Protein backbone atom coordinates (compact mmCIF):
# COMPACT_ATOMS: atom_id res chain seq x y z
CA UNK A 1 5.10 -11.43 -84.37
CA UNK A 2 4.46 -7.90 -83.04
CA UNK A 3 6.25 -4.96 -84.70
CA UNK A 4 9.39 -3.56 -83.16
CA UNK A 5 8.72 -0.80 -80.69
CA UNK A 6 11.06 2.13 -80.04
CA UNK A 7 11.41 2.12 -76.26
CA UNK A 8 12.75 5.68 -76.11
CA UNK A 9 9.70 6.79 -78.09
CA UNK A 10 7.45 4.94 -75.65
CA UNK A 11 9.17 6.64 -72.70
CA UNK A 12 8.93 10.09 -74.30
CA UNK A 13 5.27 9.51 -75.18
CA UNK A 14 4.57 8.44 -71.59
CA UNK A 15 6.27 11.54 -70.18
CA UNK A 16 4.32 13.69 -72.65
CA UNK A 17 1.08 12.33 -71.14
CA UNK A 18 2.19 13.54 -67.73
CA UNK A 19 3.10 16.99 -69.02
CA UNK A 20 -0.14 17.37 -70.98
CA UNK A 21 -2.18 16.06 -68.03
CA UNK A 22 -0.48 18.47 -65.63
CA UNK A 23 -1.28 21.43 -67.86
CA UNK A 24 -4.77 20.19 -68.84
CA UNK A 25 -5.98 19.37 -65.33
CA UNK A 26 -3.98 22.21 -63.79
CA UNK A 27 -4.07 25.72 -65.20
CA UNK A 28 -6.24 25.01 -68.26
CA UNK A 29 -9.22 23.07 -66.90
CA UNK A 30 -8.41 22.13 -63.30
CA UNK A 31 -10.99 24.36 -61.68
CA UNK A 32 -13.70 23.47 -64.21
CA UNK A 33 -12.92 19.75 -63.74
CA UNK A 34 -13.18 20.06 -59.94
CA UNK A 35 -16.45 22.01 -60.20
CA UNK A 36 -17.97 19.54 -62.69
CA UNK A 37 -17.07 16.65 -60.36
CA UNK A 38 -18.23 18.48 -57.24
CA UNK A 39 -14.73 18.25 -55.70
CA UNK A 40 -13.01 20.73 -53.47
CA UNK A 41 -9.25 21.14 -53.17
CA UNK A 42 -9.44 20.01 -49.55
CA UNK A 43 -11.32 16.82 -50.49
CA UNK A 44 -8.80 15.96 -53.18
CA UNK A 45 -5.84 16.49 -50.86
CA UNK A 46 -7.35 14.64 -47.88
CA UNK A 47 -6.55 11.08 -48.94
CA UNK A 48 -4.15 11.74 -51.80
CA UNK A 49 -0.96 9.72 -52.03
CA UNK A 50 1.14 11.35 -54.79
CA UNK A 51 3.67 8.50 -55.03
CA UNK A 52 0.93 5.93 -55.48
CA UNK A 53 -1.14 8.06 -57.85
CA UNK A 54 1.74 9.12 -60.08
CA UNK A 55 3.40 5.70 -59.91
CA UNK A 56 0.31 3.80 -60.99
CA UNK A 57 -0.49 6.44 -63.61
CA UNK A 58 3.03 6.18 -65.02
CA UNK A 59 2.82 2.39 -65.33
CA UNK A 60 -0.60 2.61 -67.00
CA UNK A 61 0.74 5.29 -69.35
CA UNK A 62 3.78 3.19 -70.19
CA UNK A 63 1.64 0.16 -71.03
CA UNK A 64 -0.75 2.36 -73.02
CA UNK A 65 2.06 3.94 -75.06
CA UNK A 66 3.78 0.60 -75.64
CA UNK A 67 0.64 -1.11 -76.88
CA UNK A 68 -0.32 1.93 -78.98
CA UNK A 69 3.14 1.76 -80.57
CA UNK A 70 2.48 -1.88 -81.40
CA UNK A 71 -0.88 -0.92 -82.88
CA UNK A 72 0.61 1.89 -84.99
CA UNK A 73 3.30 -0.35 -86.42
CA UNK A 74 6.33 0.91 -88.27
CA UNK A 75 7.06 3.55 -90.89
CA UNK A 76 4.28 6.05 -90.20
CA UNK A 77 5.89 9.40 -89.57
CA UNK A 78 4.70 11.97 -87.07
CA UNK A 79 1.70 13.30 -89.04
CA UNK A 80 0.13 9.88 -89.61
CA UNK A 81 0.86 8.95 -86.00
CA UNK A 82 -0.82 12.14 -84.78
CA UNK A 83 -3.84 11.56 -87.03
CA UNK A 84 -4.28 8.01 -85.75
CA UNK A 85 -3.81 9.29 -82.22
CA UNK A 86 -6.61 11.84 -82.62
CA UNK A 87 -8.88 9.10 -83.96
CA UNK A 88 -8.01 6.79 -81.06
CA UNK A 89 -8.46 9.57 -78.50
CA UNK A 90 -11.74 10.86 -79.89
CA UNK A 91 -13.41 7.69 -81.07
CA UNK A 92 -12.12 4.95 -78.79
CA UNK A 93 -11.39 6.78 -75.55
CA UNK A 94 -13.77 9.76 -75.61
CA UNK A 95 -16.44 7.60 -77.21
CA UNK A 96 -16.09 5.04 -74.42
CA UNK A 97 -16.19 7.77 -71.80
CA UNK A 98 -19.30 9.25 -73.46
CA UNK A 99 -21.02 5.87 -73.29
CA UNK A 100 -20.37 5.61 -69.55
CA UNK A 101 -21.46 9.19 -68.98
CA UNK A 102 -24.82 8.51 -70.61
CA UNK A 103 -25.62 5.93 -67.94
CA UNK A 104 -24.08 8.00 -65.16
CA UNK A 105 -25.92 11.18 -66.19
CA UNK A 106 -22.60 13.00 -66.17
CA UNK A 107 -22.65 16.42 -67.71
CA UNK A 108 -21.12 17.39 -71.02
CA UNK A 109 -18.53 19.55 -69.28
CA UNK A 110 -16.70 16.49 -67.98
CA UNK A 111 -16.96 14.81 -71.36
CA UNK A 112 -15.37 17.80 -73.05
CA UNK A 113 -12.61 18.06 -70.44
CA UNK A 114 -11.79 14.36 -70.11
CA UNK A 115 -12.44 13.43 -73.74
CA UNK A 116 -10.52 16.46 -74.97
CA UNK A 117 -7.54 15.51 -72.85
CA UNK A 118 -7.39 12.04 -74.35
CA UNK A 119 -7.77 13.35 -77.91
CA UNK A 120 -4.84 15.74 -77.39
CA UNK A 121 -2.87 13.17 -75.40
CA UNK A 122 -3.17 10.46 -78.04
CA UNK A 123 -2.41 12.93 -80.85
CA UNK A 124 0.88 13.77 -79.16
CA UNK A 125 1.59 10.14 -78.27
CA UNK A 126 0.93 9.16 -81.90
CA UNK A 127 3.11 11.97 -83.23
CA UNK A 128 6.02 10.97 -80.99
CA UNK A 129 5.71 7.27 -81.72
CA UNK A 130 5.22 7.87 -85.43
CA UNK A 131 8.28 10.12 -85.61
CA UNK A 132 10.50 7.71 -83.71
CA UNK A 133 9.65 4.35 -85.27
């Protein structure tokens, strides 16, 4: 039987991903991310459907946070949750991205931006879930 999951914690963790992503891919690293991908603002806006993009991203984030809460279990506290989040973000997510990038010959700039986002994102997700379980 899976552990109980705090649904408010899952919702807050999901929203935190949006906030962190908006800051990370906006004022912090947005221009560097576009340059590393070879994108222009005009290209990104040309076929962009914000309702679809944010809607799908929210559902994916919700599922991610819910299953990460199940993985973390109960009785951790925020610090242990954050530590496990950093490990998940760096090792599982950034490590997986790095593997793909080796075959795609993608530069280290994108790895640092995208991998860094997931390390920070999962640290915050873990802290929230750990504090609220």
